[in-house]
C-alpha cells in the first residue's frame, strides 16, 4: 500500500492538470461563441436602428414638403430646397453614425472573441506548470527524490 501511494498521488496530479486544461478549453470555446453571437445581435440591431431612422427621416421630410406645398411654396428652389437638402444630409449623417456605432460595437465583440482565443495557450501553460510544480514538489518530498 505504501508503494502504491506515490503512484496514486502522481496519477491524481496528472488527472487534475488534464481536467483543468479541458475546463480552460471549454470555457474559452463558450466565451468565443458568446462574443460571436453578440456580434451577430449587434449587426441585427444596427440594421434595425438604421431602418427606423431612415423611415423617421423620410416621414419628416415628406411632412415638411407637404406643409410647404399646402402653403403654396415652391420647393424646387431657394430656401425651401436648401432646407430639404439639409434635412436629407442630416438624415444621412444620422444613419451613418448609427452604422459607425454598430460597427464599433461589433468590432469590440469580435476582439473579445479573439482575445479569449489568444489567452487560451497561456492558461494551458499555466495549468501544465502548476501540475509540473506539484509533481516536482511531491517528488522532492518522496523517497524517490532522495538518494
Protein backbone atom coordinates (compact mmCIF):
# COMPACT_ATOMS: atom_id res chain seq x y z
CA UNK A 1 0.00 0.00 0.00
CA UNK A 2 2.82 2.38 0.86
CA UNK A 3 4.38 1.75 -2.57
CA UNK A 4 1.06 2.48 -4.36
CA UNK A 5 0.52 5.84 -2.63
CA UNK A 6 3.13 7.76 -4.68
CA UNK A 7 1.66 6.45 -7.93
CA UNK A 8 -1.86 7.38 -6.83
CA UNK A 9 -0.73 10.91 -5.92
CA UNK A 10 1.09 11.28 -9.21
CA UNK A 11 -1.91 10.00 -11.19
CA UNK A 12 -4.27 12.37 -9.36
CA UNK A 13 -1.97 15.32 -10.08
CA UNK A 14 -1.85 14.41 -13.77
CA UNK A 15 -5.63 13.92 -13.89
CA UNK A 16 -6.18 17.25 -12.16
CA UNK A 17 -3.91 19.01 -14.66
CA UNK A 18 -5.65 17.42 -17.65
CA UNK A 19 -9.05 18.28 -16.18
CA UNK A 20 -8.02 21.91 -15.64
CA UNK A 21 -6.76 22.14 -19.23
CA UNK A 22 -10.02 20.66 -20.58
CA UNK A 23 -12.00 23.14 -18.48
CA UNK A 24 -9.91 26.03 -19.80
CA UNK A 25 -10.57 24.90 -23.36
CA UNK A 26 -14.33 24.54 -22.84
CA UNK A 27 -14.58 27.91 -21.12
CA UNK A 28 -12.65 29.62 -23.92
CA UNK A 29 -14.84 27.99 -26.56
CA UNK A 30 -18.02 29.07 -24.78
CA UNK A 31 -16.73 32.63 -24.38
CA UNK A 32 -15.75 32.85 -28.05
CA UNK A 33 -19.18 31.60 -29.09
CA UNK A 34 -20.87 34.17 -26.82
CA UNK A 35 -18.80 37.01 -28.28
CA UNK A 36 -19.59 35.87 -31.83
CA UNK A 37 -23.31 35.69 -31.05
CA UNK A 38 -23.12 39.17 -29.52
CA UNK A 39 -21.56 40.45 -32.76
CA UNK A 40 -24.45 38.97 -34.77
CA UNK A 41 -27.01 40.59 -32.47
CA UNK A 42 -25.25 43.95 -32.75
CA UNK A 43 -25.36 43.63 -36.55
CA UNK A 44 -29.10 42.99 -36.46
CA UNK A 45 -29.75 45.86 -34.02
CA UNK A 46 -27.73 48.22 -36.19
CA UNK A 47 -29.70 47.31 -39.30
CA UNK A 48 -33.00 47.80 -37.45
CA UNK A 49 -31.89 51.14 -36.00
CA UNK A 50 -30.77 52.38 -39.43
CA UNK A 51 -34.07 51.33 -41.00
CA UNK A 52 -36.06 53.05 -38.22
CA UNK A 53 -34.01 56.25 -38.60
CA UNK A 54 -34.44 56.21 -42.40
CA UNK A 55 -38.19 55.76 -42.06
CA UNK A 56 -38.45 58.56 -39.49
CA UNK A 57 -36.34 60.89 -41.62
CA UNK A 58 -38.43 60.15 -44.74
CA UNK A 59 -41.57 60.89 -42.75
CA UNK A 60 -40.22 64.24 -41.51
CA UNK A 61 -39.05 65.26 -45.00
CA UNK A 62 -42.38 64.29 -46.60
CA UNK A 63 -44.30 66.12 -43.89
CA UNK A 64 -42.26 69.30 -44.46
CA UNK A 65 -42.72 69.08 -48.23
CA UNK A 66 -46.48 68.54 -47.85
CA UNK A 67 -46.78 71.50 -45.49
CA UNK A 68 -44.84 73.73 -47.91
CA UNK A 69 -46.90 72.53 -50.87
CA UNK A 70 -50.13 73.21 -48.96
CA UNK A 71 -48.91 76.74 -48.28
CA UNK A 72 -48.20 77.20 -51.96
CA UNK A 73 -44.43 77.45 -51.50
CA UNK A 74 -42.29 76.39 -54.48
CA UNK A 75 -39.93 73.76 -53.06
CA UNK A 76 -37.86 73.35 -56.21
CA UNK A 77 -35.54 76.26 -55.47
CA UNK A 78 -34.39 78.75 -52.85
CA UNK A 79 -34.66 78.35 -49.09
CA UNK A 80 -37.22 75.51 -49.09
CA UNK A 81 -34.97 73.41 -51.34
CA UNK A 82 -31.94 74.21 -49.21
CA UNK A 83 -33.87 73.23 -46.10
CA UNK A 84 -34.93 69.91 -47.65
CA UNK A 85 -31.36 69.22 -48.77
CA UNK A 86 -30.06 69.99 -45.30
CA UNK A 87 -32.67 67.65 -43.79
CA UNK A 88 -31.66 64.90 -46.21
CA UNK A 89 -27.97 65.45 -45.40
CA UNK A 90 -28.63 65.31 -41.66
CA UNK A 91 -30.68 62.15 -42.12
CA UNK A 92 -27.80 60.52 -43.99
CA UNK A 93 -25.36 61.57 -41.30
CA UNK A 94 -27.63 60.14 -38.61
CA UNK A 95 -27.79 56.79 -40.43
CA UNK A 96 -24.02 56.80 -40.94
CA UNK A 97 -23.49 57.49 -37.25
CA UNK A 98 -25.77 54.61 -36.31
CA UNK A 99 -23.83 52.32 -38.66
CA UNK A 100 -20.47 53.52 -37.34
CA UNK A 101 -21.50 52.97 -33.71
CA UNK A 102 -22.83 49.49 -34.57
CA UNK A 103 -19.63 48.61 -36.41
CA UNK A 104 -17.57 49.75 -33.44
CA UNK A 105 -19.59 47.60 -31.00
CA UNK A 106 -19.37 44.65 -33.37
CA UNK A 107 -15.58 45.06 -33.64
CA UNK A 108 -15.32 45.12 -29.84
CA UNK A 109 -17.25 41.85 -29.63
CA UNK A 110 -15.04 40.25 -32.28
CA UNK A 111 -11.92 41.44 -30.46
CA UNK A 112 -13.27 39.87 -27.28
CA UNK A 113 -13.56 36.54 -29.10
CA UNK A 114 -10.06 36.96 -30.49
CA UNK A 115 -8.61 37.82 -27.07
CA UNK A 116 -10.19 34.74 -25.49
CA UNK A 117 -8.51 32.60 -28.14
CA UNK A 118 -5.18 34.30 -27.56
CA UNK A 119 -5.39 33.82 -23.78
CA UNK A 120 -6.02 30.07 -24.00
CA UNK A 121 -2.39 28.97 -24.62
CA UNK A 122 -1.29 30.95 -21.57
CA UNK A 123 -3.96 29.36 -19.41
CA UNK A 124 -2.99 25.91 -20.68
CA UNK A 125 0.68 26.58 -19.99
CA UNK A 126 -0.22 27.78 -16.50
CA UNK A 127 -2.14 24.57 -15.84
CA UNK A 128 0.82 22.48 -17.05
CA UNK A 129 3.29 24.43 -14.94
CA UNK A 130 1.09 24.14 -11.88
CA UNK A 131 0.76 20.38 -12.39
CA UNK A 132 4.51 20.07 -13.01
CA UNK A 133 5.23 22.08 -9.88
CA UNK A 134 3.00 19.80 -7.83
CA UNK A 135 4.77 16.74 -9.25
CA UNK A 136 8.20 18.24 -8.56
CA UNK A 137 7.18 19.13 -5.02
CA UNK A 138 5.84 15.65 -4.47
CA UNK A 139 9.00 14.10 -5.97
CA UNK A 140 11.21 16.21 -3.70
CA UNK A 141 9.30 15.10 -0.61
CA UNK A 142 9.09 11.43 -1.60
CA UNK A 143 11.63 8.75 -1.07
CA UNK A 144 12.17 8.68 -4.86
CA UNK A 145 13.73 12.13 -4.76
CA UNK A 146 16.31 11.13 -2.14
CA UNK A 147 19.48 9.19 -2.85
